[in-house]
Amino acid sequence: DWSDLPPESEEEEETCPMCKFMKASPCGNHFRRWQLCVDRHRENGDFADKCFAQTMSLGKCSDRNQLGLFDTVGDDGDDADVTVAQESPPSNEADVAAARGK
């Protein structure tokens, strides 16, 4: 049930490329609900805790639809195994120097 979401016509025009992609994806409503929660709790700095359920819902939808936003380790149903995908750090001094533009 998405009745807690405002009509899309009332939302500001999106400028963030990832946000546009997510809103147009099969997970658009999951993303909108997550984004509203983060916006609501960002000032207090507690959005990670307050928006945990929305983050998990978005991650599961992303996995189901192979959007590549989240990687899951194992499939035992334990939500603690979901992590945000990120690049691996440089592995040697040459890679570190290259990353710094030297």
N, C-alpha and C. Protein backbone atom coordinates (compact mmCIF):
# COMPACT_ATOMS: atom_id res chain seq x y z
N ASP A 1 0.84 -1.18 0.00
CA ASP A 1 0.00 0.00 0.00
C ASP A 1 0.89 1.25 0.00
N TRP A 2 0.69 2.08 -0.96
CA TRP A 2 1.52 3.28 -1.13
C TRP A 2 0.74 4.54 -0.79
N SER A 3 -0.34 4.42 -0.02
CA SER A 3 -1.20 5.57 0.27
C SER A 3 -0.51 6.66 1.08
N ASP A 4 0.60 6.33 1.75
CA ASP A 4 1.33 7.34 2.53
C ASP A 4 2.20 8.24 1.66
N LEU A 5 2.35 7.90 0.38
CA LEU A 5 3.17 8.70 -0.52
C LEU A 5 2.35 9.82 -1.15
N PRO A 6 2.94 11.01 -1.26
CA PRO A 6 2.21 12.08 -1.95
C PRO A 6 2.13 11.77 -3.44
N PRO A 7 1.15 12.32 -4.13
CA PRO A 7 1.10 12.10 -5.59
C PRO A 7 2.40 12.60 -6.23
N GLU A 8 2.88 11.87 -7.22
CA GLU A 8 4.14 12.24 -7.86
C GLU A 8 4.08 13.64 -8.45
N SER A 9 2.90 14.08 -8.87
CA SER A 9 2.77 15.40 -9.46
C SER A 9 3.08 16.52 -8.46
N GLU A 10 3.01 16.22 -7.15
CA GLU A 10 3.28 17.21 -6.12
C GLU A 10 4.76 17.26 -5.73
N GLU A 11 5.56 16.33 -6.23
CA GLU A 11 6.98 16.31 -5.91
C GLU A 11 7.73 17.26 -6.82
N GLU A 12 8.85 17.79 -6.30
CA GLU A 12 9.70 18.67 -7.11
C GLU A 12 10.31 17.88 -8.25
N GLU A 13 10.64 18.60 -9.33
CA GLU A 13 11.31 17.94 -10.46
C GLU A 13 12.66 17.42 -10.00
N GLU A 14 12.93 16.19 -10.34
CA GLU A 14 14.16 15.52 -9.90
C GLU A 14 15.34 15.91 -10.77
N THR A 15 16.46 16.25 -10.14
CA THR A 15 17.67 16.59 -10.89
C THR A 15 18.76 15.55 -10.72
N CYS A 16 18.67 14.73 -9.70
CA CYS A 16 19.66 13.70 -9.42
C CYS A 16 19.47 12.54 -10.40
N PRO A 17 20.51 12.20 -11.20
CA PRO A 17 20.37 11.10 -12.17
C PRO A 17 19.99 9.76 -11.54
N MET A 18 20.61 9.42 -10.39
CA MET A 18 20.26 8.16 -9.75
C MET A 18 18.81 8.18 -9.26
N CYS A 19 18.38 9.32 -8.75
CA CYS A 19 17.00 9.44 -8.26
C CYS A 19 16.00 9.28 -9.41
N LYS A 20 16.31 9.89 -10.54
CA LYS A 20 15.44 9.74 -11.72
C LYS A 20 15.35 8.26 -12.12
N PHE A 21 16.51 7.60 -12.16
CA PHE A 21 16.55 6.18 -12.51
C PHE A 21 15.70 5.36 -11.54
N MET A 22 15.91 5.60 -10.24
CA MET A 22 15.20 4.81 -9.24
C MET A 22 13.70 5.05 -9.29
N LYS A 23 13.28 6.30 -9.45
CA LYS A 23 11.85 6.60 -9.49
C LYS A 23 11.18 5.99 -10.72
N ALA A 24 11.93 5.83 -11.81
CA ALA A 24 11.38 5.23 -13.02
C ALA A 24 11.47 3.70 -13.00
N SER A 25 12.17 3.15 -12.03
CA SER A 25 12.38 1.70 -11.96
C SER A 25 11.17 1.01 -11.32
N PRO A 26 11.17 -0.33 -11.34
CA PRO A 26 10.10 -1.07 -10.65
C PRO A 26 10.10 -0.82 -9.14
N CYS A 27 11.17 -0.24 -8.62
CA CYS A 27 11.29 0.05 -7.19
C CYS A 27 11.01 1.52 -6.88
N GLY A 28 10.39 2.22 -7.80
CA GLY A 28 10.16 3.65 -7.65
C GLY A 28 9.46 4.04 -6.36
N ASN A 29 8.41 3.33 -5.99
CA ASN A 29 7.69 3.67 -4.76
C ASN A 29 8.50 3.33 -3.52
N HIS A 30 9.26 2.27 -3.56
CA HIS A 30 10.16 1.94 -2.45
C HIS A 30 11.17 3.07 -2.27
N PHE A 31 11.72 3.55 -3.40
CA PHE A 31 12.69 4.63 -3.35
C PHE A 31 12.05 5.91 -2.82
N ARG A 32 10.86 6.24 -3.29
CA ARG A 32 10.18 7.46 -2.85
C ARG A 32 9.93 7.40 -1.34
N ARG A 33 9.49 6.25 -0.84
CA ARG A 33 9.24 6.12 0.60
C ARG A 33 10.55 6.25 1.38
N TRP A 34 11.63 5.65 0.89
CA TRP A 34 12.94 5.77 1.54
C TRP A 34 13.40 7.23 1.54
N GLN A 35 13.28 7.89 0.38
CA GLN A 35 13.72 9.28 0.25
C GLN A 35 12.94 10.20 1.20
N LEU A 36 11.64 10.03 1.32
CA LEU A 36 10.84 10.84 2.24
C LEU A 36 11.30 10.63 3.68
N CYS A 37 11.58 9.39 4.05
CA CYS A 37 12.03 9.09 5.40
C CYS A 37 13.37 9.75 5.69
N VAL A 38 14.32 9.61 4.77
CA VAL A 38 15.64 10.22 4.96
C VAL A 38 15.52 11.74 5.07
N ASP A 39 14.73 12.33 4.20
CA ASP A 39 14.55 13.79 4.25
C ASP A 39 13.95 14.22 5.58
N ARG A 40 13.03 13.44 6.10
CA ARG A 40 12.35 13.75 7.36
C ARG A 40 13.30 13.66 8.56
N HIS A 41 14.26 12.74 8.53
CA HIS A 41 15.11 12.48 9.70
C HIS A 41 16.56 12.93 9.53
N ARG A 42 16.91 13.51 8.40
CA ARG A 42 18.29 13.90 8.14
C ARG A 42 18.80 14.93 9.14
N GLU A 43 18.00 15.93 9.48
CA GLU A 43 18.44 16.99 10.40
C GLU A 43 18.88 16.45 11.75
N ASN A 44 18.19 15.44 12.25
CA ASN A 44 18.52 14.86 13.55
C ASN A 44 19.71 13.91 13.47
N GLY A 45 20.09 13.54 12.26
CA GLY A 45 21.21 12.63 12.08
C GLY A 45 20.89 11.19 12.43
N ASP A 46 19.61 10.88 12.60
CA ASP A 46 19.25 9.52 12.99
C ASP A 46 18.51 8.77 11.89
N PHE A 47 18.69 9.21 10.63
CA PHE A 47 17.95 8.58 9.56
C PHE A 47 18.36 7.13 9.32
N ALA A 48 19.59 6.76 9.63
CA ALA A 48 20.01 5.37 9.42
C ALA A 48 19.18 4.43 10.27
N ASP A 49 18.92 4.81 11.52
CA ASP A 49 18.09 3.97 12.40
C ASP A 49 16.62 4.10 12.05
N LYS A 50 16.16 5.32 11.87
CA LYS A 50 14.73 5.57 11.64
C LYS A 50 14.26 5.03 10.30
N CYS A 51 15.15 4.95 9.33
CA CYS A 51 14.75 4.54 7.97
C CYS A 51 15.24 3.14 7.62
N PHE A 52 15.60 2.36 8.63
CA PHE A 52 16.13 1.03 8.39
C PHE A 52 15.14 0.16 7.60
N ALA A 53 13.87 0.18 7.98
CA ALA A 53 12.87 -0.66 7.29
C ALA A 53 12.73 -0.25 5.82
N GLN A 54 12.74 1.05 5.56
CA GLN A 54 12.63 1.53 4.19
C GLN A 54 13.87 1.16 3.38
N THR A 55 15.04 1.23 4.02
CA THR A 55 16.28 0.87 3.35
C THR A 55 16.26 -0.62 2.99
N MET A 56 15.81 -1.45 3.91
CA MET A 56 15.76 -2.89 3.65
C MET A 56 14.76 -3.20 2.54
N SER A 57 13.62 -2.54 2.56
CA SER A 57 12.61 -2.76 1.53
C SER A 57 13.14 -2.37 0.15
N LEU A 58 13.82 -1.23 0.10
CA LEU A 58 14.42 -0.78 -1.16
C LEU A 58 15.50 -1.75 -1.62
N GLY A 59 16.32 -2.23 -0.70
CA GLY A 59 17.37 -3.18 -1.04
C GLY A 59 16.81 -4.48 -1.58
N LYS A 60 15.77 -4.99 -0.95
CA LYS A 60 15.16 -6.25 -1.41
C LYS A 60 14.53 -6.07 -2.80
N CYS A 61 13.87 -4.94 -3.02
CA CYS A 61 13.29 -4.67 -4.34
C CYS A 61 14.40 -4.57 -5.38
N SER A 62 15.48 -3.88 -5.03
CA SER A 62 16.62 -3.74 -5.93
C SER A 62 17.19 -5.11 -6.30
N ASP A 63 17.31 -5.98 -5.31
CA ASP A 63 17.81 -7.34 -5.57
C ASP A 63 16.86 -8.11 -6.48
N ARG A 64 15.56 -8.06 -6.16
CA ARG A 64 14.57 -8.79 -6.97
C ARG A 64 14.59 -8.35 -8.43
N ASN A 65 14.83 -7.07 -8.64
CA ASN A 65 14.79 -6.51 -9.99
C ASN A 65 16.18 -6.32 -10.60
N GLN A 66 17.20 -6.83 -9.91
CA GLN A 66 18.59 -6.80 -10.38
C GLN A 66 19.04 -5.40 -10.79
N LEU A 67 18.76 -4.43 -9.91
CA LEU A 67 19.16 -3.05 -10.19
C LEU A 67 20.61 -2.78 -9.81
N GLY A 68 21.23 -3.65 -9.03
CA GLY A 68 22.65 -3.53 -8.72
C GLY A 68 22.99 -2.48 -7.67
N LEU A 69 22.02 -2.03 -6.89
CA LEU A 69 22.31 -1.03 -5.87
C LEU A 69 22.81 -1.65 -4.59
N PHE A 70 22.42 -2.87 -4.32
CA PHE A 70 22.79 -3.55 -3.09
C PHE A 70 23.33 -4.93 -3.44
N ASP A 71 24.28 -5.39 -2.65
CA ASP A 71 24.78 -6.76 -2.76
C ASP A 71 24.31 -7.50 -1.52
N THR A 72 23.82 -8.71 -1.69
CA THR A 72 23.45 -9.52 -0.54
C THR A 72 24.43 -10.65 -0.40
N VAL A 73 24.78 -10.97 0.81
CA VAL A 73 25.70 -12.06 1.11
C VAL A 73 24.86 -13.17 1.72
N GLY A 74 24.75 -14.27 1.01
CA GLY A 74 23.91 -15.35 1.49
C GLY A 74 22.45 -15.04 1.22
N ASP A 75 21.59 -15.99 1.47
CA ASP A 75 20.16 -15.78 1.26
C ASP A 75 19.40 -16.51 2.34
N ASP A 76 19.77 -16.25 3.59
CA ASP A 76 19.12 -16.94 4.70
C ASP A 76 17.96 -16.13 5.28
N GLY A 77 17.61 -15.01 4.62
CA GLY A 77 16.51 -14.19 5.11
C GLY A 77 16.92 -13.23 6.20
N ASP A 78 18.18 -13.26 6.62
CA ASP A 78 18.65 -12.37 7.66
C ASP A 78 18.97 -11.01 7.05
N ASP A 79 18.22 -9.99 7.41
CA ASP A 79 18.39 -8.66 6.84
C ASP A 79 19.74 -8.05 7.16
N ALA A 80 20.43 -8.54 8.16
CA ALA A 80 21.73 -7.99 8.53
C ALA A 80 22.79 -8.26 7.46
N ASP A 81 22.50 -9.15 6.51
CA ASP A 81 23.47 -9.49 5.48
C ASP A 81 23.46 -8.54 4.30
N VAL A 82 22.59 -7.53 4.28
CA VAL A 82 22.52 -6.61 3.16
C VAL A 82 23.50 -5.48 3.38
N THR A 83 24.35 -5.24 2.38
CA THR A 83 25.33 -4.16 2.47
C THR A 83 25.24 -3.31 1.22
N VAL A 84 25.59 -2.05 1.34
CA VAL A 84 25.61 -1.16 0.19
C VAL A 84 26.82 -1.52 -0.65
N ALA A 85 26.61 -1.67 -1.96
CA ALA A 85 27.72 -1.98 -2.87
C ALA A 85 28.64 -0.78 -2.95
N GLN A 86 29.94 -1.04 -2.95
CA GLN A 86 30.91 0.04 -3.07
C GLN A 86 32.15 -0.47 -3.77
N GLU A 87 32.93 0.48 -4.31
CA GLU A 87 34.16 0.10 -4.97
C GLU A 87 35.16 -0.38 -3.94
N SER A 88 36.02 -1.31 -4.35
CA SER A 88 37.06 -1.77 -3.44
C SER A 88 38.17 -0.72 -3.40
N PRO A 89 38.85 -0.58 -2.27
CA PRO A 89 39.91 0.41 -2.15
C PRO A 89 41.12 0.03 -3.01
N PRO A 90 41.95 1.01 -3.36
CA PRO A 90 43.16 0.69 -4.13
C PRO A 90 43.99 -0.36 -3.40
N SER A 91 44.61 -1.26 -4.15
CA SER A 91 45.30 -2.39 -3.53
C SER A 91 46.80 -2.19 -3.34
N ASN A 92 47.40 -1.20 -4.01
CA ASN A 92 48.83 -1.01 -3.84
C ASN A 92 49.17 0.48 -3.95
N GLU A 93 50.42 0.83 -3.71
CA GLU A 93 50.83 2.24 -3.72
C GLU A 93 50.62 2.90 -5.07
N ALA A 94 50.83 2.17 -6.16
CA ALA A 94 50.63 2.73 -7.49
C ALA A 94 49.16 3.09 -7.71
N ASP A 95 48.26 2.21 -7.25
CA ASP A 95 46.82 2.49 -7.37
C ASP A 95 46.42 3.68 -6.51
N VAL A 96 46.99 3.80 -5.32
CA VAL A 96 46.71 4.91 -4.42
C VAL A 96 47.17 6.21 -5.08
N ALA A 97 48.39 6.22 -5.63
CA ALA A 97 48.92 7.41 -6.29
C ALA A 97 48.05 7.79 -7.49
N ALA A 98 47.63 6.79 -8.26
CA ALA A 98 46.77 7.06 -9.42
C ALA A 98 45.44 7.65 -8.99
N ALA A 99 44.89 7.13 -7.89
CA ALA A 99 43.61 7.64 -7.38
C ALA A 99 43.72 9.09 -6.92
N ARG A 100 44.91 9.45 -6.43
CA ARG A 100 45.14 10.82 -5.97
C ARG A 100 45.55 11.75 -7.11
N GLY A 101 45.74 11.19 -8.31
CA GLY A 101 46.10 12.00 -9.46
C GLY A 101 47.57 12.32 -9.55
N LYS A 102 48.42 11.53 -8.95
CA LYS A 102 49.87 11.77 -8.98
C LYS A 102 50.52 10.96 -10.07
